[in-house]
C-alpha atoms as a PDB file:
ATOM      1  CA  MET A   1      -0.003  -0.003   0.004  1.00  0.00           C
ATOM      2  CA  SER A   2       1.337   3.445  -0.931  1.00  0.00           C
ATOM      3  CA  SER A   3       1.901   6.028   1.789  1.00  0.00           C
ATOM      4  CA  LYS A   4       1.463   8.913  -0.652  1.00  0.00           C
ATOM      5  CA  LEU A   5      -0.916  11.594   0.661  1.00  0.00           C
ATOM      6  CA  VAL A   6      -3.746  12.980  -1.375  1.00  0.00           C
ATOM      7  CA  GLU A   7      -3.361  16.721  -1.786  1.00  0.00           C
ATOM      8  CA  PHE A   8      -6.236  19.174  -2.083  1.00  0.00           C
ATOM      9  CA  ASP A   9      -6.257  22.762  -3.184  1.00  0.00           C
ATOM     10  CA  GLN A  10      -8.104  24.390  -0.269  1.00  0.00           C
ATOM     11  CA  GLU A  11      -9.489  27.222  -2.410  1.00  0.00           C
ATOM     12  CA  VAL A  12     -10.868  24.817  -5.032  1.00  0.00           C
ATOM     13  CA  LEU A  13     -12.278  22.552  -2.339  1.00  0.00           C
ATOM     14  CA  SER A  14     -14.006  25.454  -0.577  1.00  0.00           C
ATOM     15  CA  LYS A  15     -15.539  26.688  -3.816  1.00  0.00           C
ATOM     16  CA  SER A  16     -16.697  23.173  -4.689  1.00  0.00           C
ATOM     17  CA  VAL A  17     -18.414  22.838  -1.321  1.00  0.00           C
ATOM     18  CA  LEU A  18     -20.158  26.192  -1.870  1.00  0.00           C
ATOM     19  CA  ILE A  19     -21.442  25.026  -5.267  1.00  0.00           C
ATOM     20  CA  LEU A  20     -22.656  21.656  -4.018  1.00  0.00           C
ATOM     21  CA  ARG A  21     -24.359  23.263  -1.036  1.00  0.00           C
ATOM     22  CA  ALA A  22     -26.052  25.766  -3.345  1.00  0.00           C
ATOM     23  CA  ILE A  23     -27.546  23.165  -5.640  1.00  0.00           C
ATOM     24  CA  ASN A  24     -28.355  20.643  -2.897  1.00  0.00           C
ATOM     25  CA  HIS A  25     -31.503  22.416  -1.757  1.00  0.00           C
ATOM     26  CA  SER A  26     -34.989  21.702  -3.091  1.00  0.00           C
ATOM     27  CA  LEU A  27     -36.055  25.339  -3.364  1.00  0.00           C
ATOM     28  CA  ARG A  28     -32.870  26.353  -5.166  1.00  0.00           C
ATOM     29  CA  GLN A  29     -33.345  23.385  -7.497  1.00  0.00           C
ATOM     30  CA  GLN A  30     -36.863  24.696  -8.222  1.00  0.00           C
ATOM     31  CA  ILE A  31     -35.423  28.126  -8.982  1.00  0.00           C
ATOM     32  CA  ILE A  32     -32.819  26.604 -11.324  1.00  0.00           C
ATOM     33  CA  ARG A  33     -35.522  24.605 -13.157  1.00  0.00           C
ATOM     34  CA  LEU A  34     -37.768  27.657 -13.408  1.00  0.00           C
ATOM     35  CA  LEU A  35     -34.956  29.749 -14.851  1.00  0.00           C
ATOM     36  CA  ASP A  36     -33.990  26.959 -17.225  1.00  0.00           C
ATOM     37  CA  GLU A  37     -37.581  26.688 -18.501  1.00  0.00           C
ATOM     38  CA  ASN A  38     -38.084  30.443 -18.882  1.00  0.00           C
ATOM     39  CA  GLY A  39     -34.648  31.606 -19.984  1.00  0.00           C
ATOM     40  CA  ARG A  40     -34.445  34.642 -17.753  1.00  0.00           C
ATOM     41  CA  LEU A  41     -36.619  36.115 -15.014  1.00  0.00           C
ATOM     42  CA  THR A  42     -36.576  38.966 -12.518  1.00  0.00           C
ATOM     43  CA  VAL A  43     -36.648  38.277  -8.809  1.00  0.00           C
ATOM     44  CA  THR A  44     -40.270  39.454  -8.790  1.00  0.00           C
ATOM     45  CA  GLU A  45     -41.246  36.926 -11.453  1.00  0.00           C
ATOM     46  CA  ILE A  46     -39.458  34.195  -9.553  1.00  0.00           C
ATOM     47  CA  TYR A  47     -41.080  34.828  -6.201  1.00  0.00           C
ATOM     48  CA  VAL A  48     -44.533  35.229  -7.738  1.00  0.00           C
ATOM     49  CA  LYS A  49     -44.267  31.984  -9.743  1.00  0.00           C
ATOM     50  CA  LEU A  50     -42.933  30.025  -6.767  1.00  0.00           C
ATOM     51  CA  ARG A  51     -45.233  31.769  -4.248  1.00  0.00           C
ATOM     52  CA  LEU A  52     -42.388  32.883  -2.011  1.00  0.00           C
ATOM     53  CA  GLU A  53     -41.625  35.902   0.065  1.00  0.00           C
ATOM     54  CA  GLN A  54     -39.397  38.334  -1.838  1.00  0.00           C
ATOM     55  CA  SER A  55     -36.691  38.112   0.845  1.00  0.00           C
ATOM     56  CA  VAL A  56     -36.607  34.300   0.639  1.00  0.00           C
ATOM     57  CA  ALA A  57     -36.228  34.352  -3.152  1.00  0.00           C
ATOM     58  CA  SER A  58     -33.481  36.995  -2.890  1.00  0.00           C
ATOM     59  CA  GLN A  59     -31.531  35.006  -0.292  1.00  0.00           C
ATOM     60  CA  HIS A  60     -31.598  31.855  -2.404  1.00  0.00           C
ATOM     61  CA  LEU A  61     -30.703  33.757  -5.583  1.00  0.00           C
ATOM     62  CA  SER A  62     -27.771  35.330  -3.722  1.00  0.00           C
ATOM     63  CA  LEU A  63     -26.389  31.873  -2.888  1.00  0.00           C
ATOM     64  CA  LEU A  64     -26.850  30.746  -6.474  1.00  0.00           C
ATOM     65  CA  ARG A  65     -25.073  33.881  -7.708  1.00  0.00           C
ATOM     66  CA  LYS A  66     -22.153  33.409  -5.320  1.00  0.00           C
ATOM     67  CA  SER A  67     -21.700  29.833  -6.523  1.00  0.00           C
ATOM     68  CA  GLU A  68     -21.925  31.091 -10.133  1.00  0.00           C
ATOM     69  CA  VAL A  69     -24.834  28.790 -10.956  1.00  0.00           C
ATOM     70  CA  VAL A  70     -26.943  31.764 -12.063  1.00  0.00           C
ATOM     71  CA  ILE A  71     -25.857  34.954 -13.763  1.00  0.00           C
ATOM     72  CA  THR A  72     -27.462  38.371 -13.845  1.00  0.00           C
ATOM     73  CA  THR A  73     -27.957  40.869 -16.638  1.00  0.00           C
ATOM     74  CA  ARG A  74     -29.326  44.370 -16.333  1.00  0.00           C
ATOM     75  CA  ASP A  75     -31.894  45.737 -18.769  1.00  0.00           C
ATOM     76  CA  GLY A  76     -32.767  49.278 -17.739  1.00  0.00           C
ATOM     77  CA  LYS A  77     -33.985  49.146 -14.158  1.00  0.00           C
ATOM     78  CA  PHE A  78     -34.558  45.368 -14.232  1.00  0.00           C
ATOM     79  CA  ILE A  79     -32.050  42.699 -13.212  1.00  0.00           C
ATOM     80  CA  TYR A  80     -32.655  39.368 -14.898  1.00  0.00           C
ATOM     81  CA  TYR A  81     -31.462  36.024 -13.573  1.00  0.00           C
ATOM     82  CA  SER A  82     -30.596  33.102 -15.833  1.00  0.00           C
ATOM     83  CA  VAL A  83     -28.860  29.755 -15.475  1.00  0.00           C
ATOM     84  CA  ASP A  84     -25.194  29.667 -16.406  1.00  0.00           C
ATOM     85  CA  LYS A  85     -25.440  26.591 -18.600  1.00  0.00           C
ATOM     86  CA  ASN A  86     -21.664  26.331 -19.046  1.00  0.00           C
ATOM     87  CA  ARG A  87     -21.246  26.289 -15.284  1.00  0.00           C
ATOM     88  CA  ILE A  88     -23.945  23.618 -14.894  1.00  0.00           C
ATOM     89  CA  ALA A  89     -22.185  21.503 -17.515  1.00  0.00           C
ATOM     90  CA  GLU A  90     -18.876  21.854 -15.622  1.00  0.00           C
ATOM     91  CA  ILE A  91     -20.549  20.851 -12.345  1.00  0.00           C
ATOM     92  CA  SER A  92     -22.279  17.896 -13.994  1.00  0.00           C
ATOM     93  CA  LYS A  93     -19.005  16.701 -15.527  1.00  0.00           C
ATOM     94  CA  LEU A  94     -17.161  16.990 -12.220  1.00  0.00           C
ATOM     95  CA  LEU A  95     -19.882  15.090 -10.367  1.00  0.00           C
ATOM     96  CA  LYS A  96     -19.826  12.292 -12.927  1.00  0.00           C
ATOM     97  CA  GLU A  97     -16.056  12.022 -12.493  1.00  0.00           C
ATOM     98  CA  LEU A  98     -16.373  11.966  -8.695  1.00  0.00           C
ATOM     99  CA  VAL A  99     -19.141   9.378  -8.630  1.00  0.00           C
ATOM    100  CA  GLY A 100     -17.699   7.189 -11.099  1.00  0.00           C
END
């Protein structure tokens, strides 16, 4: 048996944990699905469609933004949220590699 230690990049590991935590929540998964189905939505559209309090929707969107699962674009006074499909593909690929 080899005594070689496995090395982890702490920054990469911390970011990975943030991403997995962000997507491992049923409400955030609902938000991701909703955005995927609609392309882009404002926070108001999201909380109305999901029947949430505005503050709850904003908190969950903030976590998804920090983990770079969703991106924002501004159009006048409106901020639109959409799924970062490239990021989702990266996460999916990594999870497939980890699982097996």
